[in-house]
Every structure is written in C-alpha cells, then in structure tokens.
Amino acid sequence: MLAPVAFAAVNIVMFLLFFIWPGALGLLYSFTNYRGFGQADFVGFDNYHTLFSDPEFYAALRRTAVYVLLSVPLTYVLSLGVAVLLVSKFTRGKTLAKTVFFFPWLISPIVTGVIWRWLFGENFGFVNFVLGELGFSEVEWSSNGDLSLAIVIFATAWAATAFNMLLFIAALKNVPRSYYEASELDGAGGWQRFRYITLPAIAPTSFMVILLSTINSMKEFAMVQALNGGGPGTENRLIVQYIYETGFKQAKVGYASAVSMILMVVLMVIALIQMRVGRGRGAS
C-alpha cells in the first residue's frame, strides 16, 4: 500500500515544484513591476494594458504564427514521407536509414542552430562557398528576413522529423494488412490506398504529431537563438525570444511574465481546438 503512495507522492511533488509553482509565480509577477531584484510592487493589469498596445509584441506573435504555419506542415510531410519509405517492402538498408534519420534528434537545439548557421552564413557559410566556387553570386541568407526565416523552418523540420518518423513507423506497422489486400483486389491504386486506408488509420498519430509540433514550435527558442538570434535585427524574433529579451535583457520580469501568461493561454486554446477537431473527426 505504501509503495504506490510513495511513487505517486514523488511525481506530485515534482509536478508542484517544477510546473505549478513556477506557473503560479509567473502569474503573480505578471501583476507587478518586478525587475528581477528588489521589491515587486503590485500594478494590477498595467502590464497587460501595455502588452496589448505594444506593436513589438504583435510583430513577434505574427512572426511566430507564420513560423508555425509553415514549419508544422513541412515537418509532418517529411516525417510521414520518410516513415512510409522505411516501412515499404521495397526499401533496403532500413536499419542504417533509421539511424541516419534519427541522428538529428540526438543533437541539442543549440548545436542544430550552430550547424545551420555554419551552412548558411553569408560570409563564412558552406553553401555560399559552394555557390561561389560554381560561379554563382552569394545569397543573403542572414540579411534577408524571408530567407532567414526559411532557414529556421527547414532547420526545425530537419531536427523534428526524426522523432515524428518513429511515431509514424509504429502507426503504419499497426495498419492491418488485410485492408490493403482487399483494396488491391478491388483495383485500388497506391495513392487511393494511402488516402483512404493509411491516412484514416494513422489519424490519431497524425493528430498527436501536429499537436506536439505546434506546441513545440510556439515555444522554440534555443535553436533560433543560436541560428540567427531572431535576425536580421528583430524581424524574425519569435514570441519566446521576445519574452527572454524583455525579461532578462531589459529586466522587465513582470511584463515578461504577462507575455508568458498570454502565450500559455494561446497554447491552451490551440490544444483545445485541435482536440475538438480530433474528436470530431474521430466521431465522424
């Protein structure tokens, strides 16, 4: 009787210590002018009033939305595509391929950012070096805002494909083979089998991949910070970078806490919408 209680108590204490307490503290700070030191004076909803009139907040939120809307579908397509290839009976060297594709997941986000920064740096990047050797002009990967964001999106997809690939491989292997055999007898082609059998069968996994990818992209920080620091300038500054800069560089911990609370609400709304959509499709 004591063992289950002891194990549950440890999990509860860790959850309270590392999730509930920081969240409650952030909520409390969001109503103060706390600067990371000294006294925290209660200011009511002043931080939220300032927040909703701050164009830099909306700019960071818009750029984050663009980043999520582009990176999540790309990650999904790459993950599913690689998984389909690796479960195909015509593919050879599956074990080696899985190892190669999974390797990016083992690299920390900071190292991922450094690798892609080395590849696409304007003055020292490997890609521009190759283009120069081939007689082409160098590309402004870092000083062009759209190109810089594109590099972040591809780096995100490169790093996130591995884990999602494993989820899809497990889901694809659980699809009954009898479904495919019956469809072949009915004359269904490869695309028809994939659309009407594979996709519906792996819908729960697809929902989980999209949900986790969306939340992780909304919270992305380390990789972007190492790759371009939200540059050029602040053009590609994502919402978590905005929180970091206002909270730590500008010592506006209370204001940054208010932004964090808004981000939490946004993530909760996204999760609830996706869960509702997922249940609706499951019911249909």
Protein backbone atom coordinates (compact mmCIF):
# COMPACT_ATOMS: atom_id res chain seq x y z
CA MET A 1 0.00 0.00 0.00
CA LEU A 2 2.82 2.40 0.81
CA ALA A 3 4.77 1.86 -2.43
CA PRO A 4 2.09 3.29 -4.80
CA VAL A 5 1.58 6.24 -2.44
CA ALA A 6 5.33 6.89 -2.30
CA PHE A 7 5.74 6.78 -6.08
CA ALA A 8 2.70 9.00 -6.59
CA ALA A 9 3.93 11.42 -3.92
CA VAL A 10 7.26 11.86 -5.71
CA ASN A 11 5.51 12.65 -9.01
CA ILE A 12 3.08 15.02 -7.33
CA VAL A 13 5.88 16.89 -5.54
CA MET A 14 7.88 17.21 -8.76
CA PHE A 15 4.81 18.42 -10.65
CA LEU A 16 4.05 21.01 -7.98
CA LEU A 17 7.69 22.09 -7.76
CA PHE A 18 8.52 22.36 -11.46
CA PHE A 19 5.12 23.19 -13.04
CA ILE A 20 2.53 24.55 -10.65
CA TRP A 21 4.87 26.70 -8.54
CA PRO A 22 6.65 28.42 -11.47
CA GLY A 23 3.31 28.97 -13.19
CA ALA A 24 1.75 30.48 -10.08
CA LEU A 25 4.84 32.64 -9.52
CA GLY A 26 4.73 33.86 -13.12
CA LEU A 27 1.05 34.71 -12.78
CA LEU A 28 1.79 36.64 -9.58
CA TYR A 29 4.70 38.53 -11.16
CA SER A 30 2.53 39.48 -14.15
CA PHE A 31 0.59 41.81 -11.85
CA THR A 32 3.72 43.50 -10.51
CA ASN A 33 6.57 45.69 -11.75
CA TYR A 34 9.18 43.17 -10.61
CA ARG A 35 12.55 43.67 -12.33
CA GLY A 36 14.36 40.57 -11.10
CA PHE A 37 15.63 42.27 -7.98
CA GLY A 38 14.27 44.49 -5.23
CA GLN A 39 10.63 44.79 -4.28
CA ALA A 40 7.77 43.72 -6.51
CA ASP A 41 5.04 46.37 -6.35
CA PHE A 42 1.50 45.45 -7.36
CA VAL A 43 0.45 47.29 -10.55
CA GLY A 44 -2.76 45.43 -11.39
CA PHE A 45 -3.39 44.97 -15.11
CA ASP A 46 -0.89 47.63 -16.20
CA ASN A 47 1.43 45.04 -17.77
CA TYR A 48 -1.44 43.59 -19.78
CA HIS A 49 -2.59 47.04 -20.90
CA THR A 50 0.96 47.81 -22.06
CA LEU A 51 1.23 44.42 -23.69
CA PHE A 52 -1.87 44.76 -25.86
CA SER A 53 -0.72 48.16 -27.10
CA ASP A 54 2.84 47.07 -27.85
CA PRO A 55 3.49 46.68 -31.61
CA GLU A 56 6.63 44.62 -30.92
CA PHE A 57 4.52 42.00 -29.14
CA TYR A 58 2.15 41.71 -32.10
CA ALA A 59 5.10 41.56 -34.51
CA ALA A 60 6.67 38.69 -32.55
CA LEU A 61 3.32 36.91 -32.34
CA ARG A 62 2.68 37.29 -36.09
CA ARG A 63 6.14 36.01 -36.98
CA THR A 64 5.66 33.08 -34.64
CA ALA A 65 2.32 32.27 -36.31
CA VAL A 66 3.97 32.34 -39.75
CA TYR A 67 6.77 30.13 -38.48
CA VAL A 68 4.32 27.60 -37.01
CA LEU A 69 2.03 27.56 -40.06
CA LEU A 70 4.99 26.78 -42.32
CA SER A 71 7.16 24.54 -40.16
CA VAL A 72 4.46 22.19 -38.82
CA PRO A 73 3.11 21.06 -42.23
CA LEU A 74 6.64 20.65 -43.57
CA THR A 75 7.64 18.57 -40.55
CA TYR A 76 4.50 16.46 -40.90
CA VAL A 77 5.04 15.76 -44.59
CA LEU A 78 8.72 14.93 -44.18
CA SER A 79 8.11 12.69 -41.17
CA LEU A 80 5.30 10.77 -42.81
CA GLY A 81 7.12 10.54 -46.13
CA VAL A 82 10.27 9.11 -44.55
CA ALA A 83 8.21 6.70 -42.44
CA VAL A 84 6.32 5.43 -45.50
CA LEU A 85 9.60 4.80 -47.29
CA LEU A 86 11.10 2.98 -44.31
CA VAL A 87 8.15 0.59 -43.92
CA SER A 88 7.97 -0.17 -47.63
CA LYS A 89 8.90 -3.72 -48.59
CA PHE A 90 10.96 -2.35 -51.48
CA THR A 91 13.30 -0.31 -49.23
CA ARG A 92 16.76 -1.67 -48.49
CA GLY A 93 19.09 -0.72 -45.65
CA LYS A 94 16.26 0.25 -43.30
CA THR A 95 18.31 -0.07 -40.10
CA LEU A 96 21.05 2.23 -41.36
CA ALA A 97 18.49 4.67 -42.74
CA LYS A 98 16.64 4.84 -39.42
CA THR A 99 19.91 5.58 -37.64
CA VAL A 100 20.83 8.33 -40.08
CA PHE A 101 17.38 9.95 -39.99
CA PHE A 102 17.19 9.73 -36.20
CA PHE A 103 20.60 11.32 -35.63
CA PRO A 104 19.34 14.95 -35.74
CA TRP A 105 17.04 14.21 -32.79
CA LEU A 106 20.09 13.39 -30.67
CA ILE A 107 21.61 16.83 -31.27
CA SER A 108 20.73 19.66 -28.92
CA PRO A 109 18.77 22.60 -30.41
CA ILE A 110 21.73 24.91 -29.86
CA VAL A 111 24.04 22.63 -31.85
CA THR A 112 21.39 22.38 -34.56
CA GLY A 113 21.30 26.17 -34.80
CA VAL A 114 25.09 26.36 -34.99
CA ILE A 115 25.23 23.73 -37.74
CA TRP A 116 22.69 25.52 -39.90
CA ARG A 117 24.32 28.87 -39.19
CA TRP A 118 27.61 27.44 -40.41
CA LEU A 119 25.91 26.08 -43.52
CA PHE A 120 24.03 29.28 -44.44
CA GLY A 121 26.23 32.05 -43.11
CA GLU A 122 26.69 34.86 -45.61
CA ASN A 123 30.41 35.46 -45.13
CA PHE A 124 31.56 32.05 -43.91
CA GLY A 125 28.74 29.67 -44.86
CA PHE A 126 29.43 26.44 -46.68
CA VAL A 127 26.51 26.90 -49.10
CA ASN A 128 27.70 30.33 -50.24
CA PHE A 129 31.23 28.94 -50.58
CA VAL A 130 29.96 26.22 -52.92
CA LEU A 131 27.89 28.74 -54.88
CA GLY A 132 30.94 30.96 -55.26
CA GLU A 133 33.06 28.06 -56.49
CA LEU A 134 30.39 27.27 -59.07
CA GLY A 135 30.37 30.85 -60.32
CA PHE A 136 27.14 31.99 -58.71
CA SER A 137 26.70 35.08 -56.56
CA GLU A 138 26.37 34.72 -52.80
CA VAL A 139 22.88 34.64 -51.30
CA GLU A 140 21.88 36.94 -48.44
CA TRP A 141 20.77 34.16 -46.12
CA SER A 142 21.15 36.23 -42.94
CA SER A 143 20.33 39.78 -44.00
CA ASN A 144 17.14 38.87 -45.89
CA GLY A 145 14.30 38.37 -43.41
CA ASP A 146 12.31 35.90 -45.51
CA LEU A 147 15.35 33.77 -46.36
CA SER A 148 16.44 33.83 -42.74
CA LEU A 149 13.02 32.59 -41.64
CA ALA A 150 13.09 29.90 -44.34
CA ILE A 151 16.38 28.58 -42.93
CA VAL A 152 14.82 28.41 -39.46
CA ILE A 153 11.83 26.50 -40.85
CA PHE A 154 13.99 23.94 -42.67
CA ALA A 155 16.26 23.54 -39.64
CA THR A 156 13.21 22.89 -37.48
CA ALA A 157 11.87 20.27 -39.89
CA TRP A 158 15.30 18.63 -40.13
CA ALA A 159 15.55 18.34 -36.34
CA ALA A 160 11.94 17.32 -35.63
CA THR A 161 11.44 14.78 -38.41
CA ALA A 162 13.30 12.01 -36.58
CA PHE A 163 11.05 11.60 -33.55
CA ASN A 164 7.83 12.01 -35.52
CA MET A 165 9.14 9.49 -38.04
CA LEU A 166 9.32 6.84 -35.32
CA LEU A 167 5.75 7.57 -34.28
CA PHE A 168 4.54 7.20 -37.85
CA ILE A 169 6.52 3.99 -38.38
CA ALA A 170 4.83 2.42 -35.36
CA ALA A 171 1.41 3.60 -36.57
CA LEU A 172 1.96 2.36 -40.13
CA LYS A 173 3.00 -1.08 -38.93
CA ASN A 174 -0.23 -1.37 -36.96
CA VAL A 175 -2.45 -0.88 -40.01
CA PRO A 176 -3.97 -4.31 -40.79
CA ARG A 177 -2.52 -5.78 -43.97
CA SER A 178 -5.92 -7.24 -44.81
CA TYR A 179 -7.17 -3.74 -45.63
CA TYR A 180 -4.51 -3.32 -48.31
CA GLU A 181 -5.05 -6.82 -49.68
CA ALA A 182 -8.79 -6.22 -50.01
CA SER A 183 -8.25 -2.86 -51.70
CA GLU A 184 -5.83 -4.41 -54.20
CA LEU A 185 -8.44 -6.98 -55.10
CA ASP A 186 -10.87 -4.11 -55.71
CA GLY A 187 -8.35 -2.47 -58.05
CA ALA A 188 -7.32 0.43 -55.83
CA GLY A 189 -4.05 2.13 -56.75
CA GLY A 190 -1.23 3.15 -54.45
CA TRP A 191 -2.46 6.70 -53.93
CA GLN A 192 -6.02 5.51 -53.26
CA ARG A 193 -4.79 3.01 -50.67
CA PHE A 194 -2.73 5.70 -49.00
CA ARG A 195 -5.58 8.23 -48.98
CA TYR A 196 -8.47 6.02 -47.96
CA ILE A 197 -6.72 3.42 -45.78
CA THR A 198 -3.38 4.69 -44.48
CA LEU A 199 -4.29 8.26 -43.58
CA PRO A 200 -7.53 7.39 -41.73
CA ALA A 201 -5.80 4.52 -39.90
CA ILE A 202 -2.97 6.74 -38.61
CA ALA A 203 -5.23 9.71 -37.84
CA PRO A 204 -4.65 9.52 -34.04
CA THR A 205 -0.89 9.59 -34.58
CA SER A 206 -1.22 12.44 -37.06
CA PHE A 207 -3.24 14.40 -34.51
CA MET A 208 -0.60 13.87 -31.83
CA VAL A 209 2.26 14.81 -34.17
CA ILE A 210 0.52 18.01 -35.28
CA LEU A 211 -0.38 18.97 -31.72
CA LEU A 212 3.11 18.38 -30.32
CA SER A 213 4.79 20.04 -33.31
CA THR A 214 2.57 23.11 -32.95
CA ILE A 215 3.25 23.49 -29.24
CA ASN A 216 6.99 22.90 -29.65
CA SER A 217 7.19 25.40 -32.49
CA MET A 218 5.35 28.03 -30.46
CA LYS A 219 7.93 27.55 -27.70
CA GLU A 220 11.02 27.40 -29.93
CA PHE A 221 13.93 29.42 -28.58
CA ALA A 222 17.34 27.76 -28.33
CA MET A 223 17.70 26.75 -31.98
CA VAL A 224 16.56 30.12 -33.31
CA GLN A 225 18.75 31.99 -30.84
CA ALA A 226 21.80 30.01 -31.93
CA LEU A 227 20.98 30.22 -35.64
CA ASN A 228 20.19 33.89 -36.22
CA GLY A 229 19.14 35.39 -32.89
CA GLY A 230 15.81 36.41 -34.40
CA GLY A 231 17.54 38.42 -37.09
CA PRO A 232 18.08 40.26 -39.18
CA GLY A 233 17.51 42.79 -36.44
CA THR A 234 14.29 41.80 -34.74
CA GLU A 235 12.47 40.83 -37.93
CA ASN A 236 12.33 37.12 -37.06
CA ARG A 237 12.09 37.47 -33.30
CA LEU A 238 9.68 34.82 -32.08
CA ILE A 239 7.45 35.19 -29.05
CA VAL A 240 9.69 33.26 -26.63
CA GLN A 241 12.67 35.36 -27.71
CA TYR A 242 10.58 38.45 -27.05
CA ILE A 243 9.84 37.15 -23.55
CA TYR A 244 13.53 36.41 -22.96
CA GLU A 245 14.70 39.83 -24.14
CA THR A 246 12.14 41.81 -22.17
CA GLY A 247 12.53 39.70 -19.04
CA PHE A 248 16.29 39.27 -18.87
CA LYS A 249 17.91 41.88 -21.10
CA GLN A 250 15.54 44.72 -20.20
CA ALA A 251 14.88 43.48 -16.64
CA LYS A 252 11.10 43.68 -17.07
CA VAL A 253 10.27 40.42 -15.36
CA GLY A 254 6.70 41.46 -14.54
CA TYR A 255 5.99 42.45 -18.13
CA ALA A 256 7.66 39.29 -19.48
CA SER A 257 5.55 37.22 -17.09
CA ALA A 258 2.41 38.83 -18.51
CA VAL A 259 3.52 37.87 -22.03
CA SER A 260 4.18 34.34 -20.79
CA MET A 261 0.65 34.13 -19.42
CA ILE A 262 -0.76 35.22 -22.78
CA LEU A 263 1.39 32.61 -24.52
CA MET A 264 0.09 29.97 -22.14
CA VAL A 265 -3.49 30.93 -22.97
CA VAL A 266 -2.73 30.81 -26.70
CA LEU A 267 -1.21 27.33 -26.35
CA MET A 268 -4.19 26.12 -24.35
CA VAL A 269 -6.61 27.47 -26.97
CA ILE A 270 -4.64 25.79 -29.77
CA ALA A 271 -4.60 22.49 -27.88
CA LEU A 272 -8.34 22.65 -27.14
CA ILE A 273 -9.19 23.48 -30.77
CA GLN A 274 -7.05 20.65 -32.09
CA MET A 275 -8.52 18.22 -29.56
CA ARG A 276 -12.03 19.26 -30.52
CA VAL A 277 -11.25 18.83 -34.21
CA GLY A 278 -9.64 15.48 -33.49
CA ARG A 279 -12.67 14.25 -31.56
CA GLY A 280 -15.00 15.49 -34.30
CA ARG A 281 -13.10 13.56 -36.95
CA GLY A 282 -12.99 10.52 -34.72
CA ALA A 283 -16.73 10.67 -34.21
CA SER A 284 -17.38 11.04 -37.91
